PDB file of all heavy atoms in Angstrom:
ATOM      1  N   TYR A   1     -56.936   5.400  56.908  1.00  0.00           N
ATOM      2  CA  TYR A   1     -57.704   5.831  58.070  1.00  0.00           C
ATOM      3  C   TYR A   1     -58.963   4.992  58.225  1.00  0.00           C
ATOM      4  O   TYR A   1     -59.554   4.524  57.243  1.00  0.00           O
ATOM      5  CB  TYR A   1     -58.094   7.301  57.921  1.00  0.00           C
ATOM      6  CG  TYR A   1     -56.893   8.211  57.782  1.00  0.00           C
ATOM      7  CD1 TYR A   1     -56.404   8.571  56.538  1.00  0.00           C
ATOM      8  CD2 TYR A   1     -56.227   8.678  58.917  1.00  0.00           C
ATOM      9  CE1 TYR A   1     -55.283   9.369  56.403  1.00  0.00           C
ATOM     10  CE2 TYR A   1     -55.102   9.483  58.792  1.00  0.00           C
ATOM     11  CZ  TYR A   1     -54.640   9.826  57.530  1.00  0.00           C
ATOM     12  OH  TYR A   1     -53.526  10.609  57.414  1.00  0.00           O
ATOM     13  N   ALA A   2     -59.378   4.832  59.469  1.00  0.00           N
ATOM     14  CA  ALA A   2     -60.663   4.211  59.730  1.00  0.00           C
ATOM     15  C   ALA A   2     -61.760   5.111  59.156  1.00  0.00           C
ATOM     16  O   ALA A   2     -61.611   6.340  59.113  1.00  0.00           O
ATOM     17  CB  ALA A   2     -60.863   4.022  61.229  1.00  0.00           C
ATOM     18  N   ASP A   3     -62.834   4.515  58.701  1.00  0.00           N
ATOM     19  CA  ASP A   3     -63.925   5.292  58.112  1.00  0.00           C
ATOM     20  C   ASP A   3     -64.438   6.375  59.065  1.00  0.00           C
ATOM     21  O   ASP A   3     -64.836   7.458  58.624  1.00  0.00           O
ATOM     22  CB  ASP A   3     -65.084   4.367  57.718  1.00  0.00           C
ATOM     23  CG  ASP A   3     -64.752   3.518  56.505  1.00  0.00           C
ATOM     24  OD1 ASP A   3     -63.781   3.847  55.788  1.00  0.00           O
ATOM     25  OD2 ASP A   3     -65.455   2.513  56.280  1.00  0.00           O
ATOM     26  N   SER A   4     -64.403   6.092  60.355  1.00  0.00           N
ATOM     27  CA  SER A   4     -64.954   7.018  61.341  1.00  0.00           C
ATOM     28  C   SER A   4     -64.147   8.306  61.453  1.00  0.00           C
ATOM     29  O   SER A   4     -64.667   9.314  61.953  1.00  0.00           O
ATOM     30  CB  SER A   4     -65.031   6.341  62.706  1.00  0.00           C
ATOM     31  OG  SER A   4     -63.752   5.929  63.142  1.00  0.00           O
ATOM     32  N   VAL A   5     -62.891   8.307  60.997  1.00  0.00           N
ATOM     33  CA  VAL A   5     -62.048   9.498  61.135  1.00  0.00           C
ATOM     34  C   VAL A   5     -61.578  10.034  59.790  1.00  0.00           C
ATOM     35  O   VAL A   5     -60.944  11.095  59.740  1.00  0.00           O
ATOM     36  CB  VAL A   5     -60.825   9.221  62.037  1.00  0.00           C
ATOM     37  CG1 VAL A   5     -61.259   8.618  63.365  1.00  0.00           C
ATOM     38  CG2 VAL A   5     -59.798   8.340  61.348  1.00  0.00           C
ATOM     39  N   LYS A   6     -61.883   9.348  58.723  1.00  0.00           N
ATOM     40  CA  LYS A   6     -61.417   9.739  57.399  1.00  0.00           C
ATOM     41  C   LYS A   6     -61.884  11.151  57.065  1.00  0.00           C
ATOM     42  O   LYS A   6     -63.041  11.513  57.292  1.00  0.00           O
ATOM     43  CB  LYS A   6     -61.939   8.736  56.360  1.00  0.00           C
ATOM     44  CG  LYS A   6     -61.186   8.709  55.059  1.00  0.00           C
ATOM     45  CD  LYS A   6     -61.657   7.561  54.192  1.00  0.00           C
ATOM     46  CE  LYS A   6     -61.336   6.217  54.799  1.00  0.00           C
ATOM     47  NZ  LYS A   6     -61.748   5.079  53.956  1.00  0.00           N
ATOM     48  N   GLY A   7     -60.953  11.957  56.568  1.00  0.00           N
ATOM     49  CA  GLY A   7     -61.269  13.335  56.224  1.00  0.00           C
ATOM     50  C   GLY A   7     -61.108  14.303  57.373  1.00  0.00           C
ATOM     51  O   GLY A   7     -61.149  15.518  57.165  1.00  0.00           O
ATOM     52  N   ARG A   8     -60.940  13.790  58.582  1.00  0.00           N
ATOM     53  CA  ARG A   8     -60.796  14.653  59.762  1.00  0.00           C
ATOM     54  C   ARG A   8     -59.435  14.509  60.433  1.00  0.00           C
ATOM     55  O   ARG A   8     -58.936  15.460  61.028  1.00  0.00           O
ATOM     56  CB  ARG A   8     -61.898  14.348  60.771  1.00  0.00           C
ATOM     57  CG  ARG A   8     -63.305  14.527  60.241  1.00  0.00           C
ATOM     58  CD  ARG A   8     -64.346  14.354  61.345  1.00  0.00           C
ATOM     59  NE  ARG A   8     -64.347  12.997  61.895  1.00  0.00           N
ATOM     60  CZ  ARG A   8     -64.088  12.712  63.169  1.00  0.00           C
ATOM     61  NH1 ARG A   8     -63.786  13.682  64.016  1.00  0.00           N
ATOM     62  NH2 ARG A   8     -64.127  11.456  63.593  1.00  0.00           N
ATOM     63  N   PHE A   9     -58.856  13.321  60.367  1.00  0.00           N
ATOM     64  CA  PHE A   9     -57.571  13.045  61.021  1.00  0.00           C
ATOM     65  C   PHE A   9     -56.487  12.920  59.959  1.00  0.00           C
ATOM     66  O   PHE A   9     -56.733  12.397  58.860  1.00  0.00           O
ATOM     67  CB  PHE A   9     -57.639  11.747  61.805  1.00  0.00           C
ATOM     68  CG  PHE A   9     -58.464  11.790  63.061  1.00  0.00           C
ATOM     69  CD1 PHE A   9     -59.312  12.830  63.346  1.00  0.00           C
ATOM     70  CD2 PHE A   9     -58.379  10.750  63.984  1.00  0.00           C
ATOM     71  CE1 PHE A   9     -60.071  12.854  64.510  1.00  0.00           C
ATOM     72  CE2 PHE A   9     -59.121  10.753  65.151  1.00  0.00           C
ATOM     73  CZ  PHE A   9     -59.979  11.806  65.401  1.00  0.00           C
ATOM     74  N   THR A  10     -55.281  13.356  60.314  1.00  0.00           N
ATOM     75  CA  THR A  10     -54.130  13.219  59.431  1.00  0.00           C
ATOM     76  C   THR A  10     -52.942  12.726  60.232  1.00  0.00           C
ATOM     77  O   THR A  10     -52.558  13.352  61.229  1.00  0.00           O
ATOM     78  CB  THR A  10     -53.770  14.555  58.769  1.00  0.00           C
ATOM     79  OG1 THR A  10     -54.896  15.052  58.052  1.00  0.00           O
ATOM     80  CG2 THR A  10     -52.597  14.372  57.809  1.00  0.00           C
ATOM     81  N   MET A  11     -52.355  11.617  59.780  1.00  0.00           N
ATOM     82  CA  MET A  11     -51.181  11.072  60.447  1.00  0.00           C
ATOM     83  C   MET A  11     -49.933  11.447  59.661  1.00  0.00           C
ATOM     84  O   MET A  11     -49.936  11.429  58.425  1.00  0.00           O
ATOM     85  CB  MET A  11     -51.285   9.560  60.553  1.00  0.00           C
ATOM     86  CG  MET A  11     -50.159   8.913  61.320  1.00  0.00           C
ATOM     87  SD  MET A  11     -50.432   7.144  61.562  1.00  0.00           S
ATOM     88  CE  MET A  11     -48.984   6.711  62.530  1.00  0.00           C
ATOM     89  N   SER A  12     -48.865  11.788  60.384  1.00  0.00           N
ATOM     90  CA  SER A  12     -47.606  12.122  59.737  1.00  0.00           C
ATOM     91  C   SER A  12     -46.454  11.613  60.588  1.00  0.00           C
ATOM     92  O   SER A  12     -46.648  11.145  61.719  1.00  0.00           O
ATOM     93  CB  SER A  12     -47.490  13.630  59.513  1.00  0.00           C
ATOM     94  OG  SER A  12     -47.554  14.330  60.742  1.00  0.00           O
ATOM     95  N   ARG A  13     -45.259  11.740  60.026  1.00  0.00           N
ATOM     96  CA  ARG A  13     -44.075  11.182  60.694  1.00  0.00           C
ATOM     97  C   ARG A  13     -42.902  12.130  60.474  1.00  0.00           C
ATOM     98  O   ARG A  13     -42.749  12.703  59.394  1.00  0.00           O
ATOM     99  CB  ARG A  13     -43.791   9.806  60.065  1.00  0.00           C
ATOM    100  CG  ARG A  13     -42.631   9.045  60.593  1.00  0.00           C
ATOM    101  CD  ARG A  13     -42.615   7.639  60.010  1.00  0.00           C
ATOM    102  NE  ARG A  13     -42.695   7.657  58.558  1.00  0.00           N
ATOM    103  CZ  ARG A  13     -43.018   6.579  57.821  1.00  0.00           C
ATOM    104  NH1 ARG A  13     -43.316   5.444  58.420  1.00  0.00           N
ATOM    105  NH2 ARG A  13     -43.065   6.665  56.511  1.00  0.00           N
ATOM    106  N   GLU A  14     -42.082  12.318  61.476  1.00  0.00           N
ATOM    107  CA  GLU A  14     -40.914  13.173  61.376  1.00  0.00           C
ATOM    108  C   GLU A  14     -39.689  12.351  61.757  1.00  0.00           C
ATOM    109  O   GLU A  14     -39.489  12.006  62.933  1.00  0.00           O
ATOM    110  CB  GLU A  14     -41.060  14.398  62.290  1.00  0.00           C
ATOM    111  CG  GLU A  14     -39.952  15.415  62.116  1.00  0.00           C
ATOM    112  CD  GLU A  14     -40.233  16.708  62.876  1.00  0.00           C
ATOM    113  OE1 GLU A  14     -41.308  16.827  63.503  1.00  0.00           O
ATOM    114  OE2 GLU A  14     -39.365  17.602  62.852  1.00  0.00           O
ATOM    115  N   TYR A  15     -38.874  12.043  60.761  1.00  0.00           N
ATOM    116  CA  TYR A  15     -37.757  11.120  60.996  1.00  0.00           C
ATOM    117  C   TYR A  15     -36.725  11.605  62.002  1.00  0.00           C
ATOM    118  O   TYR A  15     -36.333  10.841  62.895  1.00  0.00           O
ATOM    119  CB  TYR A  15     -37.052  10.818  59.673  1.00  0.00           C
ATOM    120  CG  TYR A  15     -37.898  10.093  58.654  1.00  0.00           C
ATOM    121  CD1 TYR A  15     -37.579  10.137  57.311  1.00  0.00           C
ATOM    122  CD2 TYR A  15     -39.009   9.349  59.030  1.00  0.00           C
ATOM    123  CE1 TYR A  15     -38.341   9.477  56.380  1.00  0.00           C
ATOM    124  CE2 TYR A  15     -39.777   8.695  58.111  1.00  0.00           C
ATOM    125  CZ  TYR A  15     -39.435   8.755  56.764  1.00  0.00           C
ATOM    126  OH  TYR A  15     -40.190   8.113  55.845  1.00  0.00           O
ATOM    127  N   PRO A  16     -36.220  12.860  61.856  1.00  0.00           N
ATOM    128  CA  PRO A  16     -35.149  13.252  62.779  1.00  0.00           C
ATOM    129  C   PRO A  16     -35.562  13.159  64.245  1.00  0.00           C
ATOM    130  O   PRO A  16     -34.729  12.877  65.096  1.00  0.00           O
ATOM    131  CB  PRO A  16     -34.843  14.685  62.359  1.00  0.00           C
ATOM    132  CG  PRO A  16     -35.269  14.762  60.944  1.00  0.00           C
ATOM    133  CD  PRO A  16     -36.496  13.906  60.874  1.00  0.00           C
ATOM    134  N   LYS A  17     -36.843  13.415  64.501  1.00  0.00           N
ATOM    135  CA  LYS A  17     -37.313  13.380  65.885  1.00  0.00           C
ATOM    136  C   LYS A  17     -37.865  12.009  66.266  1.00  0.00           C
ATOM    137  O   LYS A  17     -38.286  11.823  67.408  1.00  0.00           O
ATOM    138  CB  LYS A  17     -38.388  14.445  66.103  1.00  0.00           C
ATOM    139  CG  LYS A  17     -37.884  15.873  65.958  1.00  0.00           C
ATOM    140  CD  LYS A  17     -38.973  16.877  66.297  1.00  0.00           C
ATOM    141  CE  LYS A  17     -38.452  18.299  66.202  1.00  0.00           C
ATOM    142  NZ  LYS A  17     -39.489  19.297  66.534  1.00  0.00           N
ATOM    143  N   ASN A  18     -37.875  11.070  65.291  1.00  0.00           N
ATOM    144  CA  ASN A  18     -38.427   9.727  65.530  1.00  0.00           C
ATOM    145  C   ASN A  18     -39.822   9.816  66.166  1.00  0.00           C
ATOM    146  O   ASN A  18     -40.131   9.127  67.152  1.00  0.00           O
ATOM    147  CB  ASN A  18     -37.493   8.892  66.427  1.00  0.00           C
ATOM    148  CG  ASN A  18     -37.487   7.429  66.028  1.00  0.00           C
ATOM    149  OD1 ASN A  18     -37.516   7.089  64.848  1.00  0.00           O
ATOM    150  ND2 ASN A  18     -37.432   6.543  67.003  1.00  0.00           N
ATOM    151  N   THR A  19     -40.626  10.655  65.591  1.00  0.00           N
ATOM    152  CA  THR A  19     -41.935  10.996  66.150  1.00  0.00           C
ATOM    153  C   THR A  19     -43.020  10.831  65.099  1.00  0.00           C
ATOM    154  O   THR A  19     -42.792  11.133  63.924  1.00  0.00           O
ATOM    155  CB  THR A  19     -41.911  12.450  66.655  1.00  0.00           C
ATOM    156  OG1 THR A  19     -40.914  12.579  67.670  1.00  0.00           O
ATOM    157  CG2 THR A  19     -43.259  12.859  67.227  1.00  0.00           C
ATOM    158  N   VAL A  20     -44.157  10.358  65.538  1.00  0.00           N
ATOM    159  CA  VAL A  20     -45.342  10.345  64.684  1.00  0.00           C
ATOM    160  C   VAL A  20     -46.395  11.260  65.305  1.00  0.00           C
ATOM    161  O   VAL A  20     -46.424  11.454  66.524  1.00  0.00           O
ATOM    162  CB  VAL A  20     -45.919   8.928  64.482  1.00  0.00           C
ATOM    163  CG1 VAL A  20     -44.932   8.062  63.697  1.00  0.00           C
ATOM    164  CG2 VAL A  20     -46.278   8.265  65.795  1.00  0.00           C
ATOM    165  N   TYR A  21     -47.230  11.826  64.444  1.00  0.00           N
ATOM    166  CA  TYR A  21     -48.231  12.789  64.871  1.00  0.00           C
ATOM    167  C   TYR A  21     -49.615  12.352  64.391  1.00  0.00           C
ATOM    168  O   TYR A  21     -49.750  11.612  63.421  1.00  0.00           O
ATOM    169  CB  TYR A  21     -47.930  14.163  64.276  1.00  0.00           C
ATOM    170  CG  TYR A  21     -46.577  14.708  64.635  1.00  0.00           C
ATOM    171  CD1 TYR A  21     -45.494  14.576  63.767  1.00  0.00           C
ATOM    172  CD2 TYR A  21     -46.366  15.365  65.847  1.00  0.00           C
ATOM    173  CE1 TYR A  21     -44.245  15.068  64.088  1.00  0.00           C
ATOM    174  CE2 TYR A  21     -45.114  15.866  66.177  1.00  0.00           C
ATOM    175  CZ  TYR A  21     -44.066  15.720  65.293  1.00  0.00           C
ATOM    176  OH  TYR A  21     -42.822  16.201  65.631  1.00  0.00           O
ATOM    177  N   LEU A  22     -50.627  12.857  65.072  1.00  0.00           N
ATOM    178  CA  LEU A  22     -51.996  12.683  64.619  1.00  0.00           C
ATOM    179  C   LEU A  22     -52.702  14.031  64.780  1.00  0.00           C
ATOM    180  O   LEU A  22     -52.959  14.459  65.909  1.00  0.00           O
ATOM    181  CB  LEU A  22     -52.721  11.600  65.414  1.00  0.00           C
ATOM    182  CG  LEU A  22     -54.115  11.257  64.887  1.00  0.00           C
ATOM    183  CD1 LEU A  22     -54.012  10.601  63.504  1.00  0.00           C
ATOM    184  CD2 LEU A  22     -54.857  10.323  65.860  1.00  0.00           C
ATOM    185  N   GLN A  23     -52.948  14.691  63.658  1.00  0.00           N
ATOM    186  CA  GLN A  23     -53.707  15.926  63.666  1.00  0.00           C
ATOM    187  C   GLN A  23     -55.182  15.564  63.600  1.00  0.00           C
ATOM    188  O   GLN A  23     -55.619  14.897  62.660  1.00  0.00           O
ATOM    189  CB  GLN A  23     -53.314  16.800  62.473  1.00  0.00           C
ATOM    190  CG  GLN A  23     -54.104  18.085  62.367  1.00  0.00           C
ATOM    191  CD  GLN A  23     -53.814  19.042  63.499  1.00  0.00           C
ATOM    192  OE1 GLN A  23     -52.670  19.249  63.881  1.00  0.00           O
ATOM    193  NE2 GLN A  23     -54.872  19.640  64.070  1.00  0.00           N
ATOM    194  N   MET A  24     -55.927  16.004  64.589  1.00  0.00           N
ATOM    195  CA  MET A  24     -57.345  15.664  64.687  1.00  0.00           C
ATOM    196  C   MET A  24     -58.172  16.937  64.594  1.00  0.00           C
ATOM    197  O   MET A  24     -58.062  17.810  65.463  1.00  0.00           O
ATOM    198  CB  MET A  24     -57.624  14.927  65.998  1.00  0.00           C
ATOM    199  CG  MET A  24     -56.731  13.716  66.216  1.00  0.00           C
ATOM    200  SD  MET A  24     -57.234  12.719  67.630  1.00  0.00           S
ATOM    201  CE  MET A  24     -56.968  13.879  68.946  1.00  0.00           C
ATOM    202  N   ASN A  25     -58.961  17.044  63.561  1.00  0.00           N
ATOM    203  CA  ASN A  25     -59.823  18.200  63.352  1.00  0.00           C
ATOM    204  C   ASN A  25     -61.282  17.791  63.394  1.00  0.00           C
ATOM    205  O   ASN A  25     -61.616  16.605  63.286  1.00  0.00           O
ATOM    206  CB  ASN A  25     -59.517  18.851  61.995  1.00  0.00           C
ATOM    207  CG  ASN A  25     -58.094  19.357  61.889  1.00  0.00           C
ATOM    208  OD1 ASN A  25     -57.498  19.789  62.870  1.00  0.00           O
ATOM    209  ND2 ASN A  25     -57.535  19.309  60.688  1.00  0.00           N
ATOM    210  N   SER A  26     -62.144  18.774  63.547  1.00  0.00           N
ATOM    211  CA  SER A  26     -63.599  18.536  63.572  1.00  0.00           C
ATOM    212  C   SER A  26     -63.941  17.397  64.526  1.00  0.00           C
ATOM    213  O   SER A  26     -64.682  16.469  64.186  1.00  0.00           O
ATOM    214  CB  SER A  26     -64.099  18.210  62.162  1.00  0.00           C
ATOM    215  OG  SER A  26     -63.808  19.257  61.272  1.00  0.00           O
ATOM    216  N   LEU A  27     -63.386  17.476  65.710  1.00  0.00           N
ATOM    217  CA  LEU A  27     -63.552  16.398  66.681  1.00  0.00           C
ATOM    218  C   LEU A  27     -65.007  16.222  67.087  1.00  0.00           C
ATOM    219  O   LEU A  27     -65.778  17.197  67.178  1.00  0.00           O
ATOM    220  CB  LEU A  27     -62.682  16.653  67.904  1.00  0.00           C
ATOM    221  CG  LEU A  27     -61.199  16.319  67.684  1.00  0.00           C
ATOM    222  CD1 LEU A  27     -60.333  17.001  68.732  1.00  0.00           C
ATOM    223  CD2 LEU A  27     -60.981  14.824  67.708  1.00  0.00           C
ATOM    224  N   LYS A  28     -65.362  14.975  67.343  1.00  0.00           N
ATOM    225  CA  LYS A  28     -66.711  14.602  67.742  1.00  0.00           C
ATOM    226  C   LYS A  28     -66.663  13.898  69.093  1.00  0.00           C
ATOM    227  O   LYS A  28     -65.618  13.310  69.442  1.00  0.00           O
ATOM    228  CB  LYS A  28     -67.320  13.651  66.715  1.00  0.00           C
ATOM    229  CG  LYS A  28     -67.360  14.189  65.289  1.00  0.00           C
ATOM    230  CD  LYS A  28     -67.881  13.135  64.345  1.00  0.00           C
ATOM    231  CE  LYS A  28     -67.923  13.645  62.906  1.00  0.00           C
ATOM    232  NZ  LYS A  28     -68.442  12.612  61.970  1.00  0.00           N
TER     233      LYS A  28
END
């Protein structure tokens, strides 16, 4: 993660759906 989002954003991937996600918390 970029330093600016580290600890707040989480990236994940779901193979069957061929989808990637970005969970963004504590948004600024």
